[in-house]
Amino acid sequence: MAKYKKKPEKMTPRERALERLKMEIAEELGLGGKVREKGWENLTARETGRIGGLMSRRLRELKTER
């Protein structure tokens, strides 16, 4: 696990897209406020697992659409 987060200007377009997707899913799950207020590190394992699972599902769906 990275000890620091890359600054947006140093992120690749793919990394920026994944960050947008992650935040979008957090918002849908009602966790957006918690993330903005306290950061990603304050989410429970269950919450982060749910976000990661939904990200994986969406990425698979996008890949099969192509």
Protein backbone atom coordinates (compact mmCIF):
# COMPACT_ATOMS: atom_id res chain seq x y z
CA MET A 1 0.00 0.00 0.00
CA ALA A 2 1.38 3.38 -0.96
CA LYS A 3 2.36 5.71 1.85
CA TYR A 4 1.43 8.73 -0.22
CA LYS A 5 -1.06 9.63 -2.87
CA LYS A 6 0.15 10.94 -6.19
CA LYS A 7 -0.69 14.52 -6.96
CA PRO A 8 -3.28 14.78 -9.75
CA GLU A 9 -0.81 16.49 -12.10
CA LYS A 10 1.54 13.50 -11.83
CA MET A 11 -1.16 10.88 -12.43
CA THR A 12 -1.59 9.17 -15.76
CA PRO A 13 -4.95 9.58 -17.53
CA ARG A 14 -5.82 5.99 -16.55
CA GLU A 15 -5.06 6.68 -12.89
CA ARG A 16 -7.20 9.83 -12.96
CA ALA A 17 -10.07 7.88 -14.54
CA LEU A 18 -9.84 5.19 -11.85
CA GLU A 19 -9.86 7.85 -9.11
CA ARG A 20 -12.97 9.44 -10.66
CA LEU A 21 -14.66 6.03 -10.84
CA LYS A 22 -13.75 5.29 -7.22
CA MET A 23 -15.18 8.59 -6.01
CA GLU A 24 -18.31 8.16 -8.16
CA ILE A 25 -18.98 4.76 -6.57
CA ALA A 26 -18.31 6.12 -3.08
CA GLU A 27 -20.89 8.85 -3.76
CA GLU A 28 -23.43 6.26 -4.94
CA LEU A 29 -22.91 4.27 -1.74
CA GLY A 30 -23.36 7.38 0.39
CA LEU A 31 -19.71 7.48 1.45
CA GLY A 32 -18.65 10.57 -0.49
CA GLY A 33 -19.04 12.92 2.46
CA LYS A 34 -17.07 10.64 4.76
CA VAL A 35 -14.26 10.38 2.20
CA ARG A 36 -14.09 14.15 1.67
CA GLU A 37 -14.23 14.85 5.40
CA LYS A 38 -11.91 12.16 6.79
CA GLY A 39 -10.16 10.63 3.77
CA TRP A 40 -10.00 7.14 2.30
CA GLU A 41 -7.96 5.76 5.20
CA ASN A 42 -10.91 6.15 7.57
CA LEU A 43 -13.21 3.78 5.69
CA THR A 44 -13.82 0.33 7.08
CA ALA A 45 -12.58 -2.78 5.30
CA ARG A 46 -16.17 -3.59 4.40
CA GLU A 47 -16.69 -0.17 2.80
CA THR A 48 -13.46 -0.25 0.80
CA GLY A 49 -14.16 -3.82 -0.27
CA ARG A 50 -17.58 -2.82 -1.53
CA ILE A 51 -16.09 0.07 -3.52
CA GLY A 52 -13.35 -2.16 -4.95
CA GLY A 53 -15.84 -4.86 -5.89
CA LEU A 54 -18.08 -2.42 -7.72
CA MET A 55 -15.07 -0.90 -9.47
CA SER A 56 -14.01 -4.35 -10.68
CA ARG A 57 -17.50 -5.11 -11.92
CA ARG A 58 -17.75 -1.82 -13.85
CA LEU A 59 -14.30 -2.23 -15.38
CA ARG A 60 -15.20 -5.75 -16.54
CA GLU A 61 -18.46 -4.45 -18.03
CA LEU A 62 -16.62 -1.68 -19.87
CA LYS A 63 -14.09 -4.16 -21.21
CA THR A 64 -16.79 -6.52 -22.56
CA GLU A 65 -18.62 -3.62 -24.24
CA ARG A 66 -15.60 -2.89 -26.43
